[in-house]
Amino acid sequence: MTDQNRKQTIKTIAVLGILIALTLVMAFTPVGYLKVGAVSISFLMIPVAVGAIAVGPWAGALLGAVFGITSFVQCFGADPFGTFLANTNIVFTFIMCVVCRILAGFLTGLVYKVLKKTKMPVFVKTAVTGLCAAIFNTVLFVGALILLFGKGTVTEATGIDPTIGIVMLFATIVGINAVFEAIAAFILTGGIGTALIKAKLVKS
């Protein structure tokens, strides 16, 4: 291993270590979640997106796994909605919490790989990556929730009118909070990603 490769490896481990620690802190403090009603809107895709930008799709998947595991752990009494789902079907809950987040992180990394090759400004590349991370997380999580647990279980858990259609059910669960999550991911990921690239801590 050359000195340059060794330095790059050390840098990668350091970045991932910091982002994993940040994800854990956010997951177990009010910083990481906006709880409105039964469903929690999460901001933990921001460090996932930053990792995907800094290192690549596999790092996005790793950080997505960390996020997902912390979410799954909270389904054992810490989060009423998650606890209800875990008691209903623990395997489906694991898929929804962990597998969907791994996939979201990996897809986020793929998005940045594509954007990285364009001539768009650095902020736009990183901000759009953050936006996609939030969208992937919301669509995959809520989609899996409805697909795996079914409309009846979801409306029972959330208290939503059971006569509502699937499209409206999806829109109701996502709500306006997901829009704020997407905006936050767009701005913060863009700012953090740009700062890392400008400081030459991450290759542009």
N, C-alpha and C. Protein backbone atom coordinates (compact mmCIF):
# COMPACT_ATOMS: atom_id res chain seq x y z
N MET A 1 0.84 -1.20 0.00
CA MET A 1 0.00 0.00 0.00
C MET A 1 0.88 1.25 0.00
N THR A 2 0.65 2.14 -0.93
CA THR A 2 1.43 3.37 -1.02
C THR A 2 1.02 4.33 0.09
N ASP A 3 1.87 5.34 0.32
CA ASP A 3 1.57 6.34 1.34
C ASP A 3 0.26 7.07 1.04
N GLN A 4 0.03 7.34 -0.25
CA GLN A 4 -1.19 8.04 -0.64
C GLN A 4 -2.42 7.19 -0.34
N ASN A 5 -2.34 5.90 -0.65
CA ASN A 5 -3.46 5.00 -0.37
C ASN A 5 -3.69 4.85 1.12
N ARG A 6 -2.59 4.81 1.86
CA ARG A 6 -2.69 4.67 3.31
C ARG A 6 -3.37 5.90 3.91
N LYS A 7 -2.97 7.07 3.43
CA LYS A 7 -3.56 8.31 3.92
C LYS A 7 -5.05 8.36 3.58
N GLN A 8 -5.40 7.91 2.36
CA GLN A 8 -6.79 7.91 1.94
C GLN A 8 -7.62 6.95 2.80
N THR A 9 -7.03 5.80 3.13
CA THR A 9 -7.73 4.83 3.97
C THR A 9 -7.98 5.39 5.36
N ILE A 10 -6.95 6.03 5.92
CA ILE A 10 -7.09 6.63 7.24
C ILE A 10 -8.15 7.73 7.23
N LYS A 11 -8.14 8.53 6.16
CA LYS A 11 -9.12 9.60 6.03
C LYS A 11 -10.54 9.03 5.94
N THR A 12 -10.69 7.95 5.17
CA THR A 12 -12.00 7.31 5.00
C THR A 12 -12.51 6.77 6.33
N ILE A 13 -11.64 6.10 7.07
CA ILE A 13 -12.02 5.54 8.38
C ILE A 13 -12.41 6.65 9.33
N ALA A 14 -11.66 7.75 9.31
CA ALA A 14 -11.95 8.88 10.19
C ALA A 14 -13.30 9.50 9.87
N VAL A 15 -13.55 9.73 8.57
CA VAL A 15 -14.82 10.32 8.15
C VAL A 15 -15.99 9.42 8.56
N LEU A 16 -15.86 8.13 8.29
CA LEU A 16 -16.94 7.19 8.63
C LEU A 16 -17.15 7.11 10.14
N GLY A 17 -16.04 7.13 10.89
CA GLY A 17 -16.16 7.09 12.35
C GLY A 17 -16.92 8.29 12.89
N ILE A 18 -16.59 9.47 12.37
CA ILE A 18 -17.27 10.69 12.80
C ILE A 18 -18.75 10.64 12.44
N LEU A 19 -19.05 10.20 11.23
CA LEU A 19 -20.45 10.17 10.77
C LEU A 19 -21.27 9.11 11.50
N ILE A 20 -20.65 7.98 11.81
CA ILE A 20 -21.35 6.95 12.60
C ILE A 20 -21.65 7.48 13.99
N ALA A 21 -20.66 8.14 14.61
CA ALA A 21 -20.86 8.72 15.94
C ALA A 21 -21.96 9.77 15.91
N LEU A 22 -21.96 10.61 14.86
CA LEU A 22 -22.98 11.65 14.72
C LEU A 22 -24.36 11.02 14.55
N THR A 23 -24.44 9.96 13.77
CA THR A 23 -25.71 9.27 13.56
C THR A 23 -26.25 8.72 14.87
N LEU A 24 -25.37 8.12 15.67
CA LEU A 24 -25.79 7.55 16.95
C LEU A 24 -26.28 8.65 17.91
N VAL A 25 -25.55 9.76 17.94
CA VAL A 25 -25.95 10.88 18.81
C VAL A 25 -27.32 11.42 18.37
N MET A 26 -27.49 11.61 17.07
CA MET A 26 -28.76 12.12 16.56
C MET A 26 -29.90 11.14 16.81
N ALA A 27 -29.59 9.85 16.72
CA ALA A 27 -30.63 8.83 16.85
C ALA A 27 -31.21 8.77 18.25
N PHE A 28 -30.38 9.04 19.25
CA PHE A 28 -30.83 8.88 20.63
C PHE A 28 -30.99 10.20 21.37
N THR A 29 -31.09 11.29 20.61
CA THR A 29 -31.39 12.60 21.18
C THR A 29 -32.48 13.25 20.33
N PRO A 30 -33.12 14.29 20.83
CA PRO A 30 -34.18 14.97 20.05
C PRO A 30 -33.68 15.61 18.77
N VAL A 31 -32.36 15.73 18.60
CA VAL A 31 -31.81 16.38 17.41
C VAL A 31 -32.18 15.63 16.14
N GLY A 32 -32.26 14.31 16.22
CA GLY A 32 -32.41 13.50 15.03
C GLY A 32 -33.83 13.29 14.53
N TYR A 33 -34.83 13.59 15.36
CA TYR A 33 -36.20 13.29 14.98
C TYR A 33 -37.15 14.45 15.24
N LEU A 34 -38.14 14.53 14.39
CA LEU A 34 -39.25 15.44 14.60
C LEU A 34 -40.49 14.57 14.77
N LYS A 35 -40.95 14.45 16.00
CA LYS A 35 -42.08 13.57 16.28
C LYS A 35 -43.37 14.38 16.22
N VAL A 36 -44.20 14.04 15.26
CA VAL A 36 -45.50 14.68 15.10
C VAL A 36 -46.53 13.58 14.93
N GLY A 37 -47.39 13.43 15.93
CA GLY A 37 -48.38 12.37 15.87
C GLY A 37 -47.71 11.02 16.04
N ALA A 38 -48.19 10.03 15.29
CA ALA A 38 -47.69 8.66 15.45
C ALA A 38 -46.37 8.43 14.72
N VAL A 39 -46.13 9.15 13.65
CA VAL A 39 -44.97 8.89 12.80
C VAL A 39 -43.86 9.89 13.07
N SER A 40 -42.62 9.37 13.19
CA SER A 40 -41.46 10.22 13.41
C SER A 40 -40.80 10.56 12.08
N ILE A 41 -40.57 11.84 11.86
CA ILE A 41 -39.82 12.28 10.69
C ILE A 41 -38.36 12.43 11.11
N SER A 42 -37.47 11.81 10.34
CA SER A 42 -36.07 11.74 10.74
C SER A 42 -35.17 12.62 9.88
N PHE A 43 -34.13 13.16 10.54
CA PHE A 43 -33.11 13.93 9.84
C PHE A 43 -31.80 13.13 9.73
N LEU A 44 -31.86 11.85 10.05
CA LEU A 44 -30.65 11.04 10.08
C LEU A 44 -30.12 10.68 8.69
N MET A 45 -30.89 10.98 7.65
CA MET A 45 -30.38 10.74 6.31
C MET A 45 -29.34 11.78 5.91
N ILE A 46 -29.21 12.85 6.69
CA ILE A 46 -28.20 13.87 6.36
C ILE A 46 -26.78 13.31 6.51
N PRO A 47 -26.41 12.71 7.67
CA PRO A 47 -25.07 12.11 7.73
C PRO A 47 -24.91 10.94 6.76
N VAL A 48 -26.00 10.23 6.47
CA VAL A 48 -25.94 9.15 5.47
C VAL A 48 -25.56 9.73 4.12
N ALA A 49 -26.21 10.83 3.75
CA ALA A 49 -25.92 11.48 2.46
C ALA A 49 -24.49 12.02 2.42
N VAL A 50 -24.04 12.61 3.52
CA VAL A 50 -22.67 13.13 3.58
C VAL A 50 -21.67 11.99 3.40
N GLY A 51 -21.93 10.86 4.04
CA GLY A 51 -21.06 9.70 3.89
C GLY A 51 -21.04 9.18 2.47
N ALA A 52 -22.21 9.16 1.83
CA ALA A 52 -22.31 8.72 0.44
C ALA A 52 -21.52 9.63 -0.48
N ILE A 53 -21.53 10.93 -0.17
CA ILE A 53 -20.77 11.91 -0.96
C ILE A 53 -19.27 11.75 -0.71
N ALA A 54 -18.91 11.61 0.55
CA ALA A 54 -17.50 11.58 0.93
C ALA A 54 -16.78 10.31 0.53
N VAL A 55 -17.49 9.18 0.60
CA VAL A 55 -16.83 7.89 0.39
C VAL A 55 -17.42 7.10 -0.77
N GLY A 56 -18.75 7.08 -0.89
CA GLY A 56 -19.36 6.33 -1.99
C GLY A 56 -20.59 5.56 -1.56
N PRO A 57 -21.20 4.83 -2.49
CA PRO A 57 -22.44 4.09 -2.21
C PRO A 57 -22.34 3.11 -1.06
N TRP A 58 -21.20 2.39 -0.95
CA TRP A 58 -21.10 1.41 0.13
C TRP A 58 -21.09 2.09 1.50
N ALA A 59 -20.52 3.29 1.57
CA ALA A 59 -20.53 4.03 2.83
C ALA A 59 -21.94 4.53 3.13
N GLY A 60 -22.67 4.94 2.09
CA GLY A 60 -24.06 5.32 2.28
C GLY A 60 -24.87 4.16 2.81
N ALA A 61 -24.61 2.96 2.28
CA ALA A 61 -25.31 1.77 2.75
C ALA A 61 -24.95 1.46 4.20
N LEU A 62 -23.67 1.59 4.55
CA LEU A 62 -23.22 1.33 5.92
C LEU A 62 -23.89 2.28 6.91
N LEU A 63 -23.85 3.57 6.59
CA LEU A 63 -24.47 4.57 7.47
C LEU A 63 -25.98 4.40 7.50
N GLY A 64 -26.56 3.99 6.36
CA GLY A 64 -27.99 3.69 6.35
C GLY A 64 -28.31 2.54 7.28
N ALA A 65 -27.40 1.55 7.34
CA ALA A 65 -27.59 0.41 8.24
C ALA A 65 -27.54 0.86 9.69
N VAL A 66 -26.60 1.75 10.01
CA VAL A 66 -26.50 2.27 11.39
C VAL A 66 -27.78 3.01 11.76
N PHE A 67 -28.24 3.87 10.86
CA PHE A 67 -29.50 4.59 11.06
C PHE A 67 -30.64 3.61 11.26
N GLY A 68 -30.71 2.61 10.38
CA GLY A 68 -31.81 1.64 10.44
C GLY A 68 -31.80 0.83 11.72
N ILE A 69 -30.62 0.42 12.18
CA ILE A 69 -30.53 -0.37 13.41
C ILE A 69 -30.97 0.45 14.61
N THR A 70 -30.58 1.72 14.66
CA THR A 70 -31.02 2.57 15.78
C THR A 70 -32.54 2.74 15.75
N SER A 71 -33.10 2.84 14.54
CA SER A 71 -34.54 2.95 14.40
C SER A 71 -35.24 1.67 14.86
N PHE A 72 -34.66 0.54 14.50
CA PHE A 72 -35.22 -0.76 14.88
C PHE A 72 -35.17 -0.97 16.39
N VAL A 73 -34.06 -0.56 17.00
CA VAL A 73 -33.90 -0.69 18.46
C VAL A 73 -35.00 0.06 19.19
N GLN A 74 -35.39 1.22 18.66
CA GLN A 74 -36.42 2.03 19.30
C GLN A 74 -37.82 1.41 19.19
N CYS A 75 -37.93 0.35 18.40
CA CYS A 75 -39.22 -0.35 18.27
C CYS A 75 -39.47 -1.31 19.43
N PHE A 76 -38.58 -1.30 20.41
CA PHE A 76 -38.74 -2.17 21.57
C PHE A 76 -39.05 -1.34 22.81
N GLY A 77 -40.05 -0.47 22.67
CA GLY A 77 -40.54 0.29 23.81
C GLY A 77 -40.29 1.78 23.77
N ALA A 78 -39.27 2.21 23.03
CA ALA A 78 -38.94 3.64 23.00
C ALA A 78 -39.87 4.44 22.11
N ASP A 79 -40.37 3.81 21.05
CA ASP A 79 -41.25 4.49 20.12
C ASP A 79 -42.57 3.73 20.03
N PRO A 80 -43.69 4.35 20.43
CA PRO A 80 -44.98 3.63 20.45
C PRO A 80 -45.40 3.07 19.10
N PHE A 81 -45.21 3.85 18.04
CA PHE A 81 -45.58 3.40 16.70
C PHE A 81 -44.74 2.20 16.28
N GLY A 82 -43.42 2.31 16.48
CA GLY A 82 -42.53 1.21 16.13
C GLY A 82 -42.78 -0.02 16.97
N THR A 83 -43.09 0.18 18.24
CA THR A 83 -43.39 -0.95 19.13
C THR A 83 -44.63 -1.69 18.67
N PHE A 84 -45.64 -0.94 18.25
CA PHE A 84 -46.87 -1.55 17.74
C PHE A 84 -46.56 -2.42 16.52
N LEU A 85 -45.73 -1.90 15.62
CA LEU A 85 -45.39 -2.64 14.41
C LEU A 85 -44.54 -3.88 14.73
N ALA A 86 -43.59 -3.73 15.66
CA ALA A 86 -42.75 -4.87 16.04
C ALA A 86 -43.57 -5.98 16.67
N ASN A 87 -44.56 -5.59 17.46
CA ASN A 87 -45.43 -6.58 18.08
C ASN A 87 -46.33 -7.26 17.04
N THR A 88 -46.59 -6.54 15.94
CA THR A 88 -47.42 -7.10 14.87
C THR A 88 -46.62 -8.07 14.01
N ASN A 89 -45.42 -7.64 13.57
CA ASN A 89 -44.55 -8.50 12.76
C ASN A 89 -43.12 -7.96 12.84
N ILE A 90 -42.29 -8.61 13.62
CA ILE A 90 -40.94 -8.11 13.87
C ILE A 90 -40.06 -8.20 12.62
N VAL A 91 -40.27 -9.21 11.77
CA VAL A 91 -39.46 -9.35 10.55
C VAL A 91 -39.76 -8.20 9.58
N PHE A 92 -41.04 -7.91 9.38
CA PHE A 92 -41.42 -6.80 8.51
C PHE A 92 -40.89 -5.48 9.06
N THR A 93 -40.91 -5.34 10.37
CA THR A 93 -40.41 -4.12 11.00
C THR A 93 -38.92 -3.95 10.74
N PHE A 94 -38.18 -5.05 10.83
CA PHE A 94 -36.74 -5.01 10.55
C PHE A 94 -36.47 -4.61 9.10
N ILE A 95 -37.23 -5.19 8.19
CA ILE A 95 -37.07 -4.85 6.77
C ILE A 95 -37.34 -3.37 6.55
N MET A 96 -38.42 -2.90 7.14
CA MET A 96 -38.82 -1.51 6.96
C MET A 96 -37.78 -0.55 7.56
N CYS A 97 -37.30 -0.88 8.75
CA CYS A 97 -36.37 0.03 9.45
C CYS A 97 -34.95 -0.06 8.93
N VAL A 98 -34.45 -1.28 8.70
CA VAL A 98 -33.04 -1.47 8.39
C VAL A 98 -32.78 -1.63 6.89
N VAL A 99 -33.43 -2.60 6.27
CA VAL A 99 -33.16 -2.89 4.86
C VAL A 99 -33.46 -1.68 3.98
N CYS A 100 -34.59 -1.02 4.25
CA CYS A 100 -34.96 0.15 3.44
C CYS A 100 -33.95 1.28 3.59
N ARG A 101 -33.39 1.44 4.80
CA ARG A 101 -32.40 2.50 5.03
C ARG A 101 -31.07 2.16 4.35
N ILE A 102 -30.69 0.89 4.34
CA ILE A 102 -29.48 0.47 3.64
C ILE A 102 -29.61 0.78 2.15
N LEU A 103 -30.76 0.42 1.60
CA LEU A 103 -31.01 0.67 0.18
C LEU A 103 -31.04 2.17 -0.12
N ALA A 104 -31.65 2.95 0.77
CA ALA A 104 -31.71 4.40 0.58
C ALA A 104 -30.31 5.01 0.57
N GLY A 105 -29.46 4.56 1.49
CA GLY A 105 -28.09 5.07 1.54
C GLY A 105 -27.28 4.69 0.31
N PHE A 106 -27.46 3.45 -0.15
CA PHE A 106 -26.74 2.99 -1.34
C PHE A 106 -27.19 3.76 -2.58
N LEU A 107 -28.50 3.95 -2.74
CA LEU A 107 -29.01 4.70 -3.88
C LEU A 107 -28.54 6.15 -3.86
N THR A 108 -28.43 6.71 -2.66
CA THR A 108 -27.94 8.08 -2.52
C THR A 108 -26.51 8.19 -3.05
N GLY A 109 -25.69 7.19 -2.73
CA GLY A 109 -24.32 7.18 -3.24
C GLY A 109 -24.26 7.07 -4.75
N LEU A 110 -25.17 6.29 -5.33
CA LEU A 110 -25.22 6.17 -6.78
C LEU A 110 -25.62 7.49 -7.44
N VAL A 111 -26.55 8.20 -6.79
CA VAL A 111 -26.97 9.50 -7.32
C VAL A 111 -25.78 10.45 -7.37
N TYR A 112 -25.00 10.49 -6.28
CA TYR A 112 -23.86 11.41 -6.27
C TYR A 112 -22.80 11.01 -7.30
N LYS A 113 -22.62 9.71 -7.53
CA LYS A 113 -21.66 9.26 -8.53
C LYS A 113 -22.03 9.80 -9.92
N VAL A 114 -23.33 9.84 -10.18
CA VAL A 114 -23.80 10.38 -11.46
C VAL A 114 -23.62 11.90 -11.50
N LEU A 115 -24.05 12.57 -10.42
CA LEU A 115 -23.98 14.03 -10.38
C LEU A 115 -22.53 14.53 -10.39
N LYS A 116 -21.66 13.74 -9.80
CA LYS A 116 -20.24 14.11 -9.70
C LYS A 116 -19.61 14.32 -11.08
N LYS A 117 -20.12 13.62 -12.08
CA LYS A 117 -19.57 13.70 -13.43
C LYS A 117 -20.11 14.89 -14.23
N THR A 118 -21.10 15.57 -13.67
CA THR A 118 -21.69 16.71 -14.37
C THR A 118 -20.90 17.98 -14.08
N LYS A 119 -21.25 19.05 -14.78
CA LYS A 119 -20.58 20.34 -14.58
C LYS A 119 -21.37 21.28 -13.68
N MET A 120 -22.33 20.74 -12.98
CA MET A 120 -23.11 21.56 -12.05
C MET A 120 -22.23 22.06 -10.91
N PRO A 121 -22.59 23.19 -10.31
CA PRO A 121 -21.84 23.69 -9.15
C PRO A 121 -21.81 22.65 -8.03
N VAL A 122 -20.75 22.67 -7.25
CA VAL A 122 -20.57 21.69 -6.17
C VAL A 122 -21.76 21.70 -5.21
N PHE A 123 -22.23 22.88 -4.86
CA PHE A 123 -23.34 22.95 -3.91
C PHE A 123 -24.58 22.26 -4.47
N VAL A 124 -24.84 22.46 -5.74
CA VAL A 124 -26.02 21.84 -6.37
C VAL A 124 -25.89 20.32 -6.35
N LYS A 125 -24.71 19.81 -6.69
CA LYS A 125 -24.49 18.37 -6.69
C LYS A 125 -24.75 17.76 -5.31
N THR A 126 -24.17 18.37 -4.29
CA THR A 126 -24.30 17.82 -2.95
C THR A 126 -25.69 18.05 -2.37
N ALA A 127 -26.28 19.20 -2.66
CA ALA A 127 -27.62 19.50 -2.16
C ALA A 127 -28.66 18.56 -2.77
N VAL A 128 -28.57 18.33 -4.06
CA VAL A 128 -29.50 17.42 -4.74
C VAL A 128 -29.34 16.00 -4.20
N THR A 129 -28.10 15.63 -3.90
CA THR A 129 -27.85 14.32 -3.29
C THR A 129 -28.56 14.21 -1.95
N GLY A 130 -28.47 15.26 -1.14
CA GLY A 130 -29.17 15.27 0.15
C GLY A 130 -30.67 15.19 -0.02
N LEU A 131 -31.18 15.92 -0.99
CA LEU A 131 -32.62 15.89 -1.28
C LEU A 131 -33.06 14.48 -1.67
N CYS A 132 -32.29 13.84 -2.53
CA CYS A 132 -32.62 12.47 -2.96
C CYS A 132 -32.57 11.51 -1.79
N ALA A 133 -31.62 11.72 -0.88
CA ALA A 133 -31.51 10.85 0.30
C ALA A 133 -32.80 10.91 1.12
N ALA A 134 -33.29 12.12 1.35
CA ALA A 134 -34.52 12.29 2.12
C ALA A 134 -35.71 11.66 1.39
N ILE A 135 -35.77 11.83 0.07
CA ILE A 135 -36.87 11.27 -0.71
C ILE A 135 -36.81 9.75 -0.71
N PHE A 136 -35.62 9.19 -0.91
CA PHE A 136 -35.47 7.73 -0.88
C PHE A 136 -35.93 7.17 0.46
N ASN A 137 -35.50 7.82 1.53
CA ASN A 137 -35.85 7.35 2.87
C ASN A 137 -37.37 7.35 3.07
N THR A 138 -38.00 8.45 2.71
CA THR A 138 -39.45 8.58 2.91
C THR A 138 -40.22 7.59 2.06
N VAL A 139 -39.89 7.53 0.77
CA VAL A 139 -40.64 6.66 -0.15
C VAL A 139 -40.46 5.19 0.21
N LEU A 140 -39.22 4.78 0.48
CA LEU A 140 -38.96 3.38 0.79
C LEU A 140 -39.57 2.99 2.13
N PHE A 141 -39.43 3.85 3.14
CA PHE A 141 -39.94 3.54 4.47
C PHE A 141 -41.47 3.46 4.47
N VAL A 142 -42.11 4.51 3.98
CA VAL A 142 -43.58 4.55 3.98
C VAL A 142 -44.14 3.52 3.00
N GLY A 143 -43.48 3.35 1.86
CA GLY A 143 -43.92 2.35 0.89
C GLY A 143 -43.88 0.96 1.49
N ALA A 144 -42.77 0.64 2.18
CA ALA A 144 -42.65 -0.67 2.83
C ALA A 144 -43.67 -0.82 3.95
N LEU A 145 -43.91 0.25 4.68
CA LEU A 145 -44.90 0.23 5.76
C LEU A 145 -46.27 -0.20 5.24
N ILE A 146 -46.70 0.43 4.17
CA ILE A 146 -48.02 0.13 3.62
C ILE A 146 -48.03 -1.23 2.93
N LEU A 147 -46.97 -1.53 2.17
CA LEU A 147 -46.91 -2.79 1.43
C LEU A 147 -46.83 -4.00 2.36
N LEU A 148 -45.98 -3.92 3.38
CA LEU A 148 -45.75 -5.06 4.25
C LEU A 148 -46.85 -5.25 5.30
N PHE A 149 -47.30 -4.14 5.88
CA PHE A 149 -48.26 -4.25 6.97
C PHE A 149 -49.72 -4.15 6.52
N GLY A 150 -49.93 -3.57 5.36
CA GLY A 150 -51.30 -3.47 4.85
C GLY A 150 -52.01 -2.24 5.37
N LYS A 151 -52.98 -1.83 4.62
CA LYS A 151 -53.71 -0.61 4.92
C LYS A 151 -54.39 -0.66 6.30
N GLY A 152 -54.98 -1.80 6.62
CA GLY A 152 -55.71 -1.92 7.89
C GLY A 152 -54.83 -1.71 9.10
N THR A 153 -53.68 -2.36 9.11
CA THR A 153 -52.76 -2.24 10.24
C THR A 153 -52.22 -0.82 10.36
N VAL A 154 -51.89 -0.22 9.21
CA VAL A 154 -51.34 1.13 9.22
C VAL A 154 -52.36 2.15 9.73
N THR A 155 -53.60 2.06 9.27
CA THR A 155 -54.62 3.01 9.73
C THR A 155 -54.93 2.81 11.21
N GLU A 156 -54.86 1.55 11.66
CA GLU A 156 -55.08 1.28 13.08
C GLU A 156 -53.97 1.89 13.93
N ALA A 157 -52.73 1.74 13.45
CA ALA A 157 -51.59 2.23 14.21
C ALA A 157 -51.52 3.76 14.23
N THR A 158 -51.93 4.39 13.15
CA THR A 158 -51.80 5.84 13.03
C THR A 158 -53.07 6.60 13.40
N GLY A 159 -54.20 5.89 13.46
CA GLY A 159 -55.46 6.55 13.77
C GLY A 159 -56.06 7.27 12.58
N ILE A 160 -55.56 6.98 11.38
CA ILE A 160 -56.08 7.59 10.16
C ILE A 160 -57.37 6.90 9.76
N ASP A 161 -58.28 7.63 9.15
CA ASP A 161 -59.56 7.09 8.69
C ASP A 161 -59.32 5.85 7.82
N PRO A 162 -59.82 4.68 8.20
CA PRO A 162 -59.57 3.45 7.44
C PRO A 162 -60.21 3.41 6.06
N THR A 163 -61.14 4.34 5.79
CA THR A 163 -61.79 4.36 4.48
C THR A 163 -60.97 5.14 3.45
N ILE A 164 -59.88 5.74 3.88
CA ILE A 164 -59.06 6.54 2.99
C ILE A 164 -58.38 5.65 1.93
N GLY A 165 -58.15 6.19 0.73
CA GLY A 165 -57.48 5.45 -0.34
C GLY A 165 -55.99 5.31 -0.08
N ILE A 166 -55.34 4.37 -0.79
CA ILE A 166 -53.92 4.10 -0.59
C ILE A 166 -53.06 5.34 -0.89
N VAL A 167 -53.37 6.03 -1.98
CA VAL A 167 -52.59 7.21 -2.36
C VAL A 167 -52.71 8.29 -1.28
N MET A 168 -53.92 8.51 -0.82
CA MET A 168 -54.14 9.52 0.23
C MET A 168 -53.53 9.07 1.54
N LEU A 169 -53.54 7.77 1.80
CA LEU A 169 -52.92 7.24 3.01
C LEU A 169 -51.42 7.53 2.99
N PHE A 170 -50.79 7.27 1.85
CA PHE A 170 -49.36 7.55 1.69
C PHE A 170 -49.08 9.03 1.91
N ALA A 171 -49.89 9.88 1.27
CA ALA A 171 -49.70 11.33 1.36
C ALA A 171 -49.92 11.81 2.79
N THR A 172 -50.89 11.22 3.49
CA THR A 172 -51.19 11.63 4.86
C THR A 172 -50.05 11.27 5.80
N ILE A 173 -49.51 10.06 5.63
CA ILE A 173 -48.40 9.64 6.49
C ILE A 173 -47.16 10.50 6.24
N VAL A 174 -46.88 10.74 4.96
CA VAL A 174 -45.72 11.56 4.61
C VAL A 174 -45.89 12.97 5.16
N GLY A 175 -47.03 13.58 4.82
CA GLY A 175 -47.37 14.88 5.38
C GLY A 175 -46.39 15.99 5.03
N ILE A 176 -46.66 17.14 5.58
CA ILE A 176 -45.85 18.33 5.35
C ILE A 176 -44.48 18.22 6.00
N ASN A 177 -44.39 17.36 7.04
CA ASN A 177 -43.12 17.22 7.76
C ASN A 177 -42.02 16.67 6.86
N ALA A 178 -42.40 15.78 5.95
CA ALA A 178 -41.41 15.21 5.04
C ALA A 178 -40.86 16.27 4.09
N VAL A 179 -41.67 17.27 3.81
CA VAL A 179 -41.22 18.38 2.96
C VAL A 179 -40.13 19.15 3.69
N PHE A 180 -40.34 19.41 4.98
CA PHE A 180 -39.32 20.10 5.77
C PHE A 180 -38.06 19.25 5.90
N GLU A 181 -38.23 17.93 6.03
CA GLU A 181 -37.08 17.03 6.08
C GLU A 181 -36.27 17.13 4.80
N ALA A 182 -36.97 17.15 3.66
CA ALA A 182 -36.30 17.23 2.37
C ALA A 182 -35.57 18.56 2.21
N ILE A 183 -36.22 19.64 2.63
CA ILE A 183 -35.59 20.96 2.54
C ILE A 183 -34.34 21.03 3.41
N ALA A 184 -34.45 20.50 4.64
CA ALA A 184 -33.30 20.49 5.56
C ALA A 184 -32.16 19.67 4.98
N ALA A 185 -32.49 18.51 4.40
CA ALA A 185 -31.46 17.66 3.82
C ALA A 185 -30.79 18.35 2.63
N PHE A 186 -31.59 19.04 1.84
CA PHE A 186 -31.06 19.77 0.68
C PHE A 186 -30.07 20.83 1.12
N ILE A 187 -30.46 21.65 2.07
CA ILE A 187 -29.62 22.77 2.50
C ILE A 187 -28.40 22.31 3.28
N LEU A 188 -28.60 21.45 4.28
CA LEU A 188 -27.51 21.05 5.16
C LEU A 188 -26.50 20.14 4.45
N THR A 189 -27.00 19.19 3.67
CA THR A 189 -26.08 18.32 2.93
C THR A 189 -25.29 19.13 1.91
N GLY A 190 -25.97 20.07 1.26
CA GLY A 190 -25.28 20.93 0.31
C GLY A 190 -24.18 21.74 0.98
N GLY A 191 -24.49 22.31 2.13
CA GLY A 191 -23.50 23.11 2.85
C GLY A 191 -22.34 22.29 3.38
N ILE A 192 -22.65 21.17 4.01
CA ILE A 192 -21.60 20.32 4.59
C ILE A 192 -20.75 19.69 3.48
N GLY A 193 -21.43 19.17 2.46
CA GLY A 193 -20.70 18.55 1.35
C GLY A 193 -19.78 19.53 0.65
N THR A 194 -20.27 20.73 0.41
CA THR A 194 -19.46 21.76 -0.25
C THR A 194 -18.27 22.14 0.61
N ALA A 195 -18.48 22.27 1.91
CA ALA A 195 -17.39 22.63 2.82
C ALA A 195 -16.31 21.56 2.83
N LEU A 196 -16.71 20.30 2.84
CA LEU A 196 -15.74 19.20 2.84
C LEU A 196 -14.93 19.17 1.54
N ILE A 197 -15.60 19.43 0.44
CA ILE A 197 -14.92 19.43 -0.86
C ILE A 197 -13.99 20.64 -0.98
N LYS A 198 -14.46 21.80 -0.56
CA LYS A 198 -13.63 23.00 -0.63
C LYS A 198 -12.39 22.87 0.26
N ALA A 199 -12.56 22.16 1.38
CA ALA A 199 -11.42 21.95 2.30
C ALA A 199 -10.53 20.80 1.83
N LYS A 200 -10.90 20.19 0.69
CA LYS A 200 -10.16 19.09 0.10
C LYS A 200 -10.10 17.86 1.00
N LEU A 201 -11.12 17.74 1.88
CA LEU A 201 -11.25 16.54 2.69
C LEU A 201 -11.98 15.45 1.91
N VAL A 202 -12.66 15.87 0.86
CA VAL A 202 -13.39 14.96 -0.02
C VAL A 202 -13.07 15.34 -1.45
N LYS A 203 -12.89 14.35 -2.30
CA LYS A 203 -12.62 14.61 -3.72
C LYS A 203 -13.90 15.10 -4.40
N SER A 204 -13.77 16.12 -5.22
CA SER A 204 -14.93 16.66 -5.95
C SER A 204 -15.23 15.82 -7.18
